[in-house]
C-alpha atoms as a PDB file:
ATOM      1  CA  MET A   1     100.458 125.914-234.605  1.00  0.00           C
ATOM      2  CA  ASN A   2     102.967 127.384-232.174  1.00  0.00           C
ATOM      3  CA  ILE A   3     106.251 125.630-231.998  1.00  0.00           C
ATOM      4  CA  PRO A   4     107.474 125.272-228.349  1.00  0.00           C
ATOM      5  CA  LEU A   5     110.648 127.369-227.686  1.00  0.00           C
ATOM      6  CA  LEU A   6     112.418 124.159-226.710  1.00  0.00           C
ATOM      7  CA  GLN A   7     111.616 120.782-228.251  1.00  0.00           C
ATOM      8  CA  PHE A   8     112.938 117.206-227.534  1.00  0.00           C
ATOM      9  CA  ASN A   9     114.010 115.202-230.519  1.00  0.00           C
ATOM     10  CA  ASP A  10     116.326 112.321-231.297  1.00  0.00           C
ATOM     11  CA  LYS A  11     119.430 114.490-230.843  1.00  0.00           C
ATOM     12  CA  GLY A  12     118.650 116.391-227.782  1.00  0.00           C
ATOM     13  CA  ILE A  13     116.777 119.473-226.503  1.00  0.00           C
ATOM     14  CA  TYR A  14     116.445 121.748-229.582  1.00  0.00           C
ATOM     15  CA  CYS A  15     115.777 125.456-229.880  1.00  0.00           C
ATOM     16  CA  GLN A  16     114.629 125.891-233.495  1.00  0.00           C
ATOM     17  CA  GLN A  17     114.613 129.724-233.531  1.00  0.00           C
ATOM     18  CA  ALA A  18     118.381 129.772-232.546  1.00  0.00           C
ATOM     19  CA  ASP A  19     119.282 126.470-234.215  1.00  0.00           C
ATOM     20  CA  VAL A  20     121.123 125.298-231.079  1.00  0.00           C
ATOM     21  CA  TYR A  21     120.854 122.267-228.850  1.00  0.00           C
ATOM     22  CA  LEU A  22     121.062 122.080-225.044  1.00  0.00           C
ATOM     23  CA  ASP A  23     123.108 118.988-223.775  1.00  0.00           C
ATOM     24  CA  PRO A  24     122.594 117.029-226.990  1.00  0.00           C
ATOM     25  CA  TRP A  25     123.377 113.357-226.935  1.00  0.00           C
ATOM     26  CA  ARG A  26     124.155 113.120-230.768  1.00  0.00           C
ATOM     27  CA  PRO A  27     126.648 115.285-232.705  1.00  0.00           C
ATOM     28  CA  VAL A  28     125.224 118.713-233.741  1.00  0.00           C
ATOM     29  CA  LYS A  29     126.561 121.893-235.060  1.00  0.00           C
ATOM     30  CA  ASN A  30     125.876 124.167-231.995  1.00  0.00           C
ATOM     31  CA  ALA A  31     125.649 122.812-228.439  1.00  0.00           C
ATOM     32  CA  ILE A  32     125.062 124.740-225.193  1.00  0.00           C
ATOM     33  CA  ILE A  33     126.387 122.535-222.267  1.00  0.00           C
ATOM     34  CA  THR A  34     125.240 122.492-218.611  1.00  0.00           C
ATOM     35  CA  HIS A  35     128.028 120.588-217.037  1.00  0.00           C
ATOM     36  CA  GLY A  36     130.957 118.213-217.528  1.00  0.00           C
ATOM     37  CA  HIS A  37     129.355 114.772-216.729  1.00  0.00           C
ATOM     38  CA  SER A  38     129.608 112.426-219.710  1.00  0.00           C
ATOM     39  CA  ASP A  39     125.921 112.016-220.319  1.00  0.00           C
ATOM     40  CA  HIS A  40     125.554 115.776-220.748  1.00  0.00           C
ATOM     41  CA  ALA A  41     128.772 116.788-222.344  1.00  0.00           C
ATOM     42  CA  ARG A  42     129.480 114.499-225.336  1.00  0.00           C
ATOM     43  CA  TRP A  43     132.119 114.355-228.023  1.00  0.00           C
ATOM     44  CA  GLY A  44     131.372 115.250-231.634  1.00  0.00           C
ATOM     45  CA  HIS A  45     129.726 118.708-231.621  1.00  0.00           C
ATOM     46  CA  GLU A  46     131.092 121.471-233.988  1.00  0.00           C
ATOM     47  CA  ASN A  47     130.752 124.212-231.413  1.00  0.00           C
ATOM     48  CA  TYR A  48     130.441 124.253-227.624  1.00  0.00           C
ATOM     49  CA  ILE A  49     129.229 127.032-225.348  1.00  0.00           C
ATOM     50  CA  THR A  50     129.355 126.490-221.618  1.00  0.00           C
ATOM     51  CA  HIS A  51     130.272 128.379-218.352  1.00  0.00           C
ATOM     52  CA  TYR A  52     133.933 129.398-218.211  1.00  0.00           C
ATOM     53  CA  SER A  53     134.550 127.236-215.130  1.00  0.00           C
ATOM     54  CA  ASN A  54     133.386 124.157-217.055  1.00  0.00           C
ATOM     55  CA  ILE A  55     135.771 124.638-220.039  1.00  0.00           C
ATOM     56  CA  PRO A  56     138.876 122.912-218.470  1.00  0.00           C
ATOM     57  CA  ILE A  57     136.643 120.074-217.309  1.00  0.00           C
ATOM     58  CA  ILE A  58     135.138 119.257-220.767  1.00  0.00           C
ATOM     59  CA  LYS A  59     138.468 119.787-222.479  1.00  0.00           C
ATOM     60  CA  HIS A  60     139.987 117.219-220.139  1.00  0.00           C
ATOM     61  CA  ARG A  61     137.242 114.787-220.841  1.00  0.00           C
ATOM     62  CA  LEU A  62     136.645 115.547-224.583  1.00  0.00           C
ATOM     63  CA  GLY A  63     140.095 116.778-225.832  1.00  0.00           C
ATOM     64  CA  GLU A  64     140.614 119.680-228.187  1.00  0.00           C
ATOM     65  CA  ILE A  65     137.159 121.055-228.968  1.00  0.00           C
ATOM     66  CA  ASN A  66     135.949 124.368-230.207  1.00  0.00           C
ATOM     67  CA  VAL A  67     134.386 125.858-227.083  1.00  0.00           C
ATOM     68  CA  SER A  68     133.549 129.438-225.817  1.00  0.00           C
ATOM     69  CA  GLY A  69     132.799 130.417-222.240  1.00  0.00           C
ATOM     70  CA  LYS A  70     130.257 132.701-220.634  1.00  0.00           C
ATOM     71  CA  ASN A  71     130.113 134.160-217.222  1.00  0.00           C
ATOM     72  CA  TRP A  72     127.180 133.678-214.764  1.00  0.00           C
ATOM     73  CA  ASN A  73     124.027 135.726-215.723  1.00  0.00           C
ATOM     74  CA  GLU A  74     125.795 136.955-218.943  1.00  0.00           C
ATOM     75  CA  THR A  75     123.199 137.285-221.637  1.00  0.00           C
ATOM     76  CA  PHE A  76     124.196 136.115-225.132  1.00  0.00           C
ATOM     77  CA  THR A  77     121.866 136.267-228.053  1.00  0.00           C
ATOM     78  CA  ILE A  78     121.617 133.893-230.961  1.00  0.00           C
ATOM     79  CA  ASN A  79     119.214 134.714-233.807  1.00  0.00           C
ATOM     80  CA  GLY A  80     117.017 136.778-231.511  1.00  0.00           C
ATOM     81  CA  VAL A  81     116.946 134.251-228.587  1.00  0.00           C
ATOM     82  CA  LYS A  82     118.534 135.175-225.360  1.00  0.00           C
ATOM     83  CA  PHE A  83     120.489 132.671-223.445  1.00  0.00           C
ATOM     84  CA  SER A  84     122.321 132.799-220.006  1.00  0.00           C
ATOM     85  CA  PHE A  85     124.017 130.441-217.432  1.00  0.00           C
ATOM     86  CA  HIS A  86     122.799 130.315-213.883  1.00  0.00           C
ATOM     87  CA  PRO A  87     124.415 128.103-211.046  1.00  0.00           C
ATOM     88  CA  ALA A  88     122.907 124.664-210.734  1.00  0.00           C
ATOM     89  CA  GLY A  89     124.873 123.685-207.584  1.00  0.00           C
ATOM     90  CA  HIS A  90     125.268 120.113-208.977  1.00  0.00           C
ATOM     91  CA  ILE A  91     129.121 119.944-209.466  1.00  0.00           C
ATOM     92  CA  ILE A  92     131.829 122.395-210.099  1.00  0.00           C
ATOM     93  CA  GLY A  93     130.923 124.319-213.202  1.00  0.00           C
ATOM     94  CA  SER A  94     127.366 123.028-213.486  1.00  0.00           C
ATOM     95  CA  ALA A  95     124.785 125.551-214.913  1.00  0.00           C
ATOM     96  CA  GLN A  96     121.097 125.862-215.697  1.00  0.00           C
ATOM     97  CA  ILE A  97     120.333 127.381-219.029  1.00  0.00           C
ATOM     98  CA  ARG A  98     117.825 130.216-219.270  1.00  0.00           C
ATOM     99  CA  VAL A  99     116.224 130.717-222.644  1.00  0.00           C
ATOM    100  CA  GLU A 100     114.095 133.716-223.538  1.00  0.00           C
ATOM    101  CA  HIS A 101     112.327 134.657-226.714  1.00  0.00           C
ATOM    102  CA  LYS A 102     109.451 137.198-227.117  1.00  0.00           C
ATOM    103  CA  GLY A 103     108.751 137.358-223.572  1.00  0.00           C
ATOM    104  CA  GLU A 104     108.592 133.617-223.123  1.00  0.00           C
ATOM    105  CA  VAL A 105     111.169 132.178-220.655  1.00  0.00           C
ATOM    106  CA  TRP A 106     112.197 128.515-220.242  1.00  0.00           C
ATOM    107  CA  VAL A 107     114.834 127.038-217.792  1.00  0.00           C
ATOM    108  CA  PHE A 108     116.767 123.777-218.414  1.00  0.00           C
ATOM    109  CA  THR A 109     118.327 122.596-215.223  1.00  0.00           C
ATOM    110  CA  GLY A 110     120.645 119.880-216.467  1.00  0.00           C
ATOM    111  CA  ASP A 111     121.288 118.337-213.046  1.00  0.00           C
ATOM    112  CA  TYR A 112     120.962 120.333-209.894  1.00  0.00           C
ATOM    113  CA  LYS A 113     120.957 120.433-206.076  1.00  0.00           C
ATOM    114  CA  THR A 114     119.885 122.999-203.626  1.00  0.00           C
ATOM    115  CA  GLU A 115     122.247 122.285-200.759  1.00  0.00           C
ATOM    116  CA  ASP A 116     125.354 124.405-200.737  1.00  0.00           C
ATOM    117  CA  ASP A 117     128.248 121.947-200.890  1.00  0.00           C
ATOM    118  CA  GLY A 118     131.017 124.471-200.539  1.00  0.00           C
ATOM    119  CA  ILE A 119     132.741 123.560-203.794  1.00  0.00           C
ATOM    120  CA  SER A 120     130.057 124.416-206.394  1.00  0.00           C
ATOM    121  CA  VAL A 121     128.598 127.865-206.910  1.00  0.00           C
ATOM    122  CA  PRO A 122     125.207 127.427-205.027  1.00  0.00           C
ATOM    123  CA  TYR A 123     121.913 126.760-206.923  1.00  0.00           C
ATOM    124  CA  GLU A 124     120.193 130.017-208.081  1.00  0.00           C
ATOM    125  CA  VAL A 125     116.330 130.142-208.394  1.00  0.00           C
ATOM    126  CA  VAL A 126     115.477 131.398-211.890  1.00  0.00           C
ATOM    127  CA  LYS A 127     112.043 132.529-212.569  1.00  0.00           C
ATOM    128  CA  CYS A 128     110.467 131.102-215.652  1.00  0.00           C
ATOM    129  CA  HIS A 129     107.176 129.961-217.478  1.00  0.00           C
ATOM    130  CA  SER A 130     108.486 126.414-218.375  1.00  0.00           C
ATOM    131  CA  PHE A 131     110.920 124.489-216.234  1.00  0.00           C
ATOM    132  CA  ILE A 132     112.818 121.323-217.418  1.00  0.00           C
ATOM    133  CA  THR A 133     113.786 119.403-214.268  1.00  0.00           C
ATOM    134  CA  GLU A 134     115.665 116.107-213.721  1.00  0.00           C
ATOM    135  CA  CYS A 135     113.876 113.606-211.304  1.00  0.00           C
ATOM    136  CA  THR A 136     116.802 111.427-210.446  1.00  0.00           C
ATOM    137  CA  PHE A 137     115.553 111.088-206.861  1.00  0.00           C
ATOM    138  CA  GLY A 138     111.978 111.959-207.448  1.00  0.00           C
ATOM    139  CA  LEU A 139     110.380 109.809-204.774  1.00  0.00           C
ATOM    140  CA  PRO A 140     109.254 110.807-201.166  1.00  0.00           C
ATOM    141  CA  ALA A 141     111.587 108.185-199.786  1.00  0.00           C
ATOM    142  CA  PHE A 142     114.642 110.314-200.698  1.00  0.00           C
ATOM    143  CA  LYS A 143     115.330 112.907-197.973  1.00  0.00           C
ATOM    144  CA  TRP A 144     118.923 113.952-197.436  1.00  0.00           C
ATOM    145  CA  GLU A 145     120.678 114.667-194.183  1.00  0.00           C
ATOM    146  CA  PRO A 146     122.802 117.849-193.966  1.00  0.00           C
ATOM    147  CA  GLN A 147     126.292 117.386-195.728  1.00  0.00           C
ATOM    148  CA  THR A 148     128.103 118.177-192.276  1.00  0.00           C
ATOM    149  CA  ASN A 149     126.396 115.216-190.706  1.00  0.00           C
ATOM    150  CA  VAL A 150     127.360 112.784-193.469  1.00  0.00           C
ATOM    151  CA  MET A 151     131.001 113.885-193.491  1.00  0.00           C
ATOM    152  CA  THR A 152     131.184 113.497-189.709  1.00  0.00           C
ATOM    153  CA  ASP A 153     130.095 109.921-190.204  1.00  0.00           C
ATOM    154  CA  ILE A 154     132.578 109.315-192.945  1.00  0.00           C
ATOM    155  CA  ASN A 155     135.482 110.816-190.946  1.00  0.00           C
ATOM    156  CA  ASN A 156     134.428 108.721-187.844  1.00  0.00           C
ATOM    157  CA  TRP A 157     134.340 105.592-190.043  1.00  0.00           C
ATOM    158  CA  TRP A 158     137.910 106.364-191.375  1.00  0.00           C
ATOM    159  CA  ALA A 159     139.223 106.833-187.777  1.00  0.00           C
ATOM    160  CA  GLU A 160     137.719 103.587-186.606  1.00  0.00           C
ATOM    161  CA  ASN A 161     139.300 101.747-189.598  1.00  0.00           C
ATOM    162  CA  ARG A 162     142.638 103.384-188.782  1.00  0.00           C
ATOM    163  CA  ALA A 163     142.446 102.160-185.206  1.00  0.00           C
ATOM    164  CA  GLU A 164     141.936  98.703-186.578  1.00  0.00           C
ATOM    165  CA  GLY A 165     144.871  99.109-188.899  1.00  0.00           C
ATOM    166  CA  LYS A 166     142.864  98.804-192.157  1.00  0.00           C
ATOM    167  CA  THR A 167     142.807 100.964-195.173  1.00  0.00           C
ATOM    168  CA  SER A 168     139.579 102.853-195.986  1.00  0.00           C
ATOM    169  CA  ILE A 169     138.425 102.737-199.579  1.00  0.00           C
ATOM    170  CA  LEU A 170     135.625 105.198-200.352  1.00  0.00           C
ATOM    171  CA  PHE A 171     133.988 105.122-203.705  1.00  0.00           C
ATOM    172  CA  GLY A 172     132.788 108.448-205.431  1.00  0.00           C
ATOM    173  CA  TYR A 173     132.184 109.568-209.009  1.00  0.00           C
ATOM    174  CA  SER A 174     135.476 111.131-210.283  1.00  0.00           C
ATOM    175  CA  LEU A 175     133.833 114.449-211.106  1.00  0.00           C
ATOM    176  CA  GLY A 176     131.936 116.189-208.449  1.00  0.00           C
ATOM    177  CA  LYS A 177     131.389 113.521-205.749  1.00  0.00           C
ATOM    178  CA  ALA A 178     135.170 112.893-205.278  1.00  0.00           C
ATOM    179  CA  GLN A 179     136.137 116.511-204.857  1.00  0.00           C
ATOM    180  CA  ARG A 180     133.176 117.027-202.451  1.00  0.00           C
ATOM    181  CA  LEU A 181     134.565 114.160-200.260  1.00  0.00           C
ATOM    182  CA  LEU A 182     138.109 115.522-200.534  1.00  0.00           C
ATOM    183  CA  LYS A 183     137.085 118.939-199.394  1.00  0.00           C
ATOM    184  CA  TYR A 184     135.776 117.708-196.029  1.00  0.00           C
ATOM    185  CA  LEU A 185     138.022 114.722-195.141  1.00  0.00           C
ATOM    186  CA  ASP A 186     139.748 115.236-191.817  1.00  0.00           C
ATOM    187  CA  THR A 187     143.455 115.105-192.710  1.00  0.00           C
ATOM    188  CA  SER A 188     144.487 114.877-189.024  1.00  0.00           C
ATOM    189  CA  ILE A 189     143.296 111.195-189.211  1.00  0.00           C
ATOM    190  CA  GLY A 190     145.767 110.264-191.950  1.00  0.00           C
ATOM    191  CA  GLN A 191     146.823 110.696-195.537  1.00  0.00           C
ATOM    192  CA  ILE A 192     144.539 110.743-198.639  1.00  0.00           C
ATOM    193  CA  TYR A 193     145.408 108.544-201.554  1.00  0.00           C
ATOM    194  CA  THR A 194     143.583 108.687-204.851  1.00  0.00           C
ATOM    195  CA  HIS A 195     142.965 106.390-207.853  1.00  0.00           C
ATOM    196  CA  GLY A 196     144.392 107.816-211.113  1.00  0.00           C
ATOM    197  CA  ALA A 197     141.045 108.855-212.508  1.00  0.00           C
ATOM    198  CA  ILE A 198     140.298 110.736-209.286  1.00  0.00           C
ATOM    199  CA  GLU A 199     143.642 112.354-209.213  1.00  0.00           C
ATOM    200  CA  ASN A 200     143.542 113.519-212.868  1.00  0.00           C
ATOM    201  CA  MET A 201     140.220 115.235-212.565  1.00  0.00           C
ATOM    202  CA  THR A 202     140.980 116.701-209.117  1.00  0.00           C
ATOM    203  CA  ASN A 203     144.133 118.279-210.651  1.00  0.00           C
ATOM    204  CA  VAL A 204     141.934 119.852-213.292  1.00  0.00           C
ATOM    205  CA  VAL A 205     139.794 121.674-210.679  1.00  0.00           C
ATOM    206  CA  ARG A 206     142.360 122.652-208.126  1.00  0.00           C
ATOM    207  CA  SER A 207     142.773 125.991-209.579  1.00  0.00           C
ATOM    208  CA  GLN A 208     139.110 126.677-208.827  1.00  0.00           C
ATOM    209  CA  ILE A 209     138.711 125.182-205.313  1.00  0.00           C
ATOM    210  CA  ASP A 210     140.903 124.649-202.277  1.00  0.00           C
ATOM    211  CA  LEU A 211     141.438 120.934-201.708  1.00  0.00           C
ATOM    212  CA  PRO A 212     143.791 119.020-199.381  1.00  0.00           C
ATOM    213  CA  PRO A 213     146.934 117.372-200.624  1.00  0.00           C
ATOM    214  CA  THR A 214     146.421 113.872-202.189  1.00  0.00           C
ATOM    215  CA  THR A 215     148.797 111.124-203.355  1.00  0.00           C
ATOM    216  CA  ARG A 216     148.249 109.109-206.557  1.00  0.00           C
ATOM    217  CA  ILE A 217     148.441 105.432-206.157  1.00  0.00           C
ATOM    218  CA  THR A 218     150.976 103.883-208.496  1.00  0.00           C
ATOM    219  CA  LEU A 219     152.746 100.575-209.000  1.00  0.00           C
ATOM    220  CA  GLU A 220     155.349 101.635-206.555  1.00  0.00           C
ATOM    221  CA  THR A 221     152.781 102.344-203.798  1.00  0.00           C
ATOM    222  CA  LYS A 222     153.132  99.625-201.112  1.00  0.00           C
ATOM    223  CA  LYS A 223     150.322  98.086-199.281  1.00  0.00           C
ATOM    224  CA  GLN A 224     151.928  99.261-195.874  1.00  0.00           C
ATOM    225  CA  ASP A 225     151.758 102.804-197.090  1.00  0.00           C
ATOM    226  CA  LEU A 226     148.024 102.716-197.236  1.00  0.00           C
ATOM    227  CA  LEU A 227     147.302 101.094-193.822  1.00  0.00           C
ATOM    228  CA  GLY A 228     145.152 103.435-191.895  1.00  0.00           C
ATOM    229  CA  ASN A 229     144.842 105.965-194.532  1.00  0.00           C
ATOM    230  CA  ILE A 230     141.952 106.580-196.926  1.00  0.00           C
ATOM    231  CA  VAL A 231     141.659 105.935-200.650  1.00  0.00           C
ATOM    232  CA  ILE A 232     139.251 107.715-202.912  1.00  0.00           C
ATOM    233  CA  ALA A 233     138.302 105.716-206.051  1.00  0.00           C
ATOM    234  CA  PRO A 234     135.585 105.524-208.680  1.00  0.00           C
ATOM    235  CA  PRO A 235     132.892 102.867-208.390  1.00  0.00           C
ATOM    236  CA  SER A 236     134.359 101.103-211.452  1.00  0.00           C
ATOM    237  CA  ALA A 237     137.435 100.145-209.368  1.00  0.00           C
ATOM    238  CA  HIS A 238     135.401  98.020-206.991  1.00  0.00           C
ATOM    239  CA  GLY A 239     136.335  94.330-207.295  1.00  0.00           C
ATOM    240  CA  SER A 240     139.256  95.085-209.643  1.00  0.00           C
ATOM    241  CA  THR A 241     142.719  93.729-209.333  1.00  0.00           C
ATOM    242  CA  TRP A 242     143.819  97.282-208.590  1.00  0.00           C
ATOM    243  CA  ILE A 243     141.883  97.164-205.273  1.00  0.00           C
ATOM    244  CA  ARG A 244     142.497  93.599-204.277  1.00  0.00           C
ATOM    245  CA  ARG A 245     146.172  94.179-203.448  1.00  0.00           C
ATOM    246  CA  MET A 246     145.284  96.674-200.771  1.00  0.00           C
ATOM    247  CA  THR A 247     144.091  94.049-198.232  1.00  0.00           C
ATOM    248  CA  PRO A 248     143.086  94.446-195.455  1.00  0.00           C
ATOM    249  CA  PHE A 249     140.702  97.236-196.327  1.00  0.00           C
ATOM    250  CA  VAL A 250     137.186  98.311-195.689  1.00  0.00           C
ATOM    251  CA  THR A 251     134.931  99.661-198.389  1.00  0.00           C
ATOM    252  CA  GLY A 252     132.350 102.525-198.388  1.00  0.00           C
ATOM    253  CA  THR A 253     130.170 104.260-201.061  1.00  0.00           C
ATOM    254  CA  ALA A 254     128.920 107.822-201.000  1.00  0.00           C
ATOM    255  CA  SER A 255     125.773 108.073-202.980  1.00  0.00           C
ATOM    256  CA  GLY A 256     122.130 109.054-202.856  1.00  0.00           C
ATOM    257  CA  TRP A 257     121.268 105.541-203.787  1.00  0.00           C
ATOM    258  CA  MET A 258     122.485 104.321-200.289  1.00  0.00           C
ATOM    259  CA  ALA A 259     119.150 105.641-198.977  1.00  0.00           C
ATOM    260  CA  PHE A 260     117.592 102.544-200.508  1.00  0.00           C
ATOM    261  CA  ARG A 261     117.453  99.574-198.171  1.00  0.00           C
ATOM    262  CA  GLY A 262     119.715  96.798-199.480  1.00  0.00           C
ATOM    263  CA  ALA A 263     121.750  99.089-201.804  1.00  0.00           C
ATOM    264  CA  ARG A 264     124.900  98.523-199.767  1.00  0.00           C
ATOM    265  CA  ARG A 265     124.522  94.808-199.968  1.00  0.00           C
ATOM    266  CA  ARG A 266     123.917  94.851-203.708  1.00  0.00           C
ATOM    267  CA  ARG A 267     126.994  96.852-204.285  1.00  0.00           C
ATOM    268  CA  ALA A 268     128.900  94.625-201.975  1.00  0.00           C
ATOM    269  CA  VAL A 269     130.431  97.379-199.902  1.00  0.00           C
ATOM    270  CA  ASP A 270     130.847  97.540-196.069  1.00  0.00           C
ATOM    271  CA  ARG A 271     129.386 100.836-195.460  1.00  0.00           C
ATOM    272  CA  GLY A 272     127.047 103.256-197.241  1.00  0.00           C
ATOM    273  CA  PHE A 273     126.881 106.987-196.881  1.00  0.00           C
ATOM    274  CA  VAL A 274     123.875 108.892-198.279  1.00  0.00           C
ATOM    275  CA  LEU A 275     125.432 111.908-200.066  1.00  0.00           C
ATOM    276  CA  SER A 276     123.919 112.941-203.375  1.00  0.00           C
ATOM    277  CA  ASP A 277     124.798 115.599-205.962  1.00  0.00           C
ATOM    278  CA  HIS A 278     121.083 115.877-206.888  1.00  0.00           C
ATOM    279  CA  CYS A 279     117.996 117.280-205.107  1.00  0.00           C
ATOM    280  CA  ASP A 280     115.910 115.114-202.931  1.00  0.00           C
ATOM    281  CA  TRP A 281     112.192 114.900-203.038  1.00  0.00           C
ATOM    282  CA  ASN A 282     111.693 118.162-201.115  1.00  0.00           C
ATOM    283  CA  GLY A 283     114.399 120.040-202.931  1.00  0.00           C
ATOM    284  CA  LEU A 284     112.748 119.218-206.262  1.00  0.00           C
ATOM    285  CA  LEU A 285     109.330 120.408-205.017  1.00  0.00           C
ATOM    286  CA  GLU A 286     110.693 123.574-203.427  1.00  0.00           C
ATOM    287  CA  SER A 287     112.801 124.527-206.538  1.00  0.00           C
ATOM    288  CA  ILE A 288     109.861 124.148-208.820  1.00  0.00           C
ATOM    289  CA  LYS A 289     107.607 126.234-206.643  1.00  0.00           C
ATOM    290  CA  ALA A 290     110.296 128.944-206.391  1.00  0.00           C
ATOM    291  CA  THR A 291     110.516 129.320-210.184  1.00  0.00           C
ATOM    292  CA  GLY A 292     106.765 130.260-210.574  1.00  0.00           C
ATOM    293  CA  ALA A 293     106.591 128.017-213.595  1.00  0.00           C
ATOM    294  CA  GLU A 294     103.256 126.756-214.687  1.00  0.00           C
ATOM    295  CA  LYS A 295     104.597 124.142-217.142  1.00  0.00           C
ATOM    296  CA  VAL A 296     107.052 121.500-215.892  1.00  0.00           C
ATOM    297  CA  ILE A 297     108.821 118.819-218.067  1.00  0.00           C
ATOM    298  CA  CYS A 298     110.281 115.915-216.061  1.00  0.00           C
ATOM    299  CA  THR A 299     113.342 114.141-217.647  1.00  0.00           C
ATOM    300  CA  HIS A 300     115.635 111.415-216.179  1.00  0.00           C
ATOM    301  CA  GLY A 301     114.911 109.703-212.940  1.00  0.00           C
ATOM    302  CA  TYR A 302     111.381 108.823-211.498  1.00  0.00           C
ATOM    303  CA  SER A 303     109.841 111.206-214.004  1.00  0.00           C
ATOM    304  CA  ASP A 304     106.476 109.334-214.376  1.00  0.00           C
ATOM    305  CA  ILE A 305     105.692 109.293-210.638  1.00  0.00           C
ATOM    306  CA  PHE A 306     107.053 112.778-209.987  1.00  0.00           C
ATOM    307  CA  SER A 307     105.130 114.221-212.959  1.00  0.00           C
ATOM    308  CA  ARG A 308     102.019 112.576-211.852  1.00  0.00           C
ATOM    309  CA  TYR A 309     102.413 114.126-208.354  1.00  0.00           C
ATOM    310  CA  LEU A 310     102.989 117.641-209.985  1.00  0.00           C
ATOM    311  CA  ARG A 311      99.814 117.364-211.918  1.00  0.00           C
ATOM    312  CA  GLU A 312      97.860 116.524-208.630  1.00  0.00           C
ATOM    313  CA  LEU A 313      99.386 119.787-207.332  1.00  0.00           C
ATOM    314  CA  GLY A 314      97.926 121.718-210.309  1.00  0.00           C
ATOM    315  CA  TYR A 315     101.003 121.960-212.570  1.00  0.00           C
ATOM    316  CA  ASP A 316     100.869 121.356-216.326  1.00  0.00           C
ATOM    317  CA  ALA A 317     103.503 118.532-215.963  1.00  0.00           C
ATOM    318  CA  ARG A 318     104.605 115.919-218.451  1.00  0.00           C
ATOM    319  CA  THR A 319     107.603 113.616-219.133  1.00  0.00           C
ATOM    320  CA  ALA A 320     110.107 113.631-221.909  1.00  0.00           C
ATOM    321  CA  ASN A 321     112.655 110.908-222.890  1.00  0.00           C
ATOM    322  CA  THR A 322     116.326 111.813-222.889  1.00  0.00           C
ATOM    323  CA  GLN A 323     119.668 109.973-222.984  1.00  0.00           C
ATOM    324  CA  TYR A 324     120.737 111.301-219.668  1.00  0.00           C
ATOM    325  CA  GLU A 325     121.720 108.644-217.284  1.00  0.00           C
ATOM    326  CA  GLY A 326     120.526 109.754-213.804  1.00  0.00           C
ATOM    327  CA  GLU A 327     117.567 107.260-213.807  1.00  0.00           C
ATOM    328  CA  THR A 328     119.582 104.275-212.919  1.00  0.00           C
ATOM    329  CA  ASN A 329     121.321 103.427-209.684  1.00  0.00           C
ATOM    330  CA  ASP A 330     123.857 101.500-211.625  1.00  0.00           C
ATOM    331  CA  SER A 331     125.393 104.798-212.948  1.00  0.00           C
ATOM    332  CA  GLU A 332     128.513 106.157-211.203  1.00  0.00           C
ATOM    333  CA  GLU A 333     126.710 109.418-210.693  1.00  0.00           C
ATOM    334  CA  GLY A 334     124.361 109.725-207.752  1.00  0.00           C
END
């Protein structure tokens, strides 16, 4: 019986021939990591391999680890198996992992998006026989507007709040979403303030991308300093004592989940902006078609619905259980 080149077990996605794991969720000896989000890059592995641009990010999150870096499209071989990193377009430093052995090619996407956000290296199509894809937004209801349209709406919202003498508080995940928002905020409207978690992560990636000046909110920051300006904060800050002292304020959330009717009300925010770091329905389908893959394994998200649809299209598609967290709209990532 032929053993698949990549297998799913209780620790992660395993390549037996090379004795390495891809984005394992339990401690292992050798881990190849797609990107820095906490569900994909976890603490406790003996050895980490990732793209060079992701090293400062995972070191910031995990502390001192034994990590080596590779360039885009650089092939490295482990026990006869060839690996390489290819841009995933998800967040800064995010990669797909190409795995090749005896002419068989697999690609593990991690998380990915096809729209060029201007801060991540744009997604690259990688031809393969088997494709492991996320399905975070694998429903036809999810269809994204161009980023330029969304950022225009956000800047107009900020300007309206400033005219009313209110502070704008915009929630976004501290790695990826926050920097994407910062990149396109119109600083002619006012100043940008940040929650400490946002500021810390932004400082880590400033050497890689050009971002506008930001000011960390501290105990010395006065409410009057914030009026008319904008604050970027992680979703976990919503409803906290940290935020309540900023009254009067207006809240907004930037997430793909805002495409769901009622999502804004459930999250108790005043305004929702549909902006995701993942593919929408069409992006997923177009990406899979472009790879030329015959076999597709669907992981976190709407995997059952999406894989069923792929089978109707003629793909050999199935689902696989993982501990990646893109399947719930309670996650900060979206």
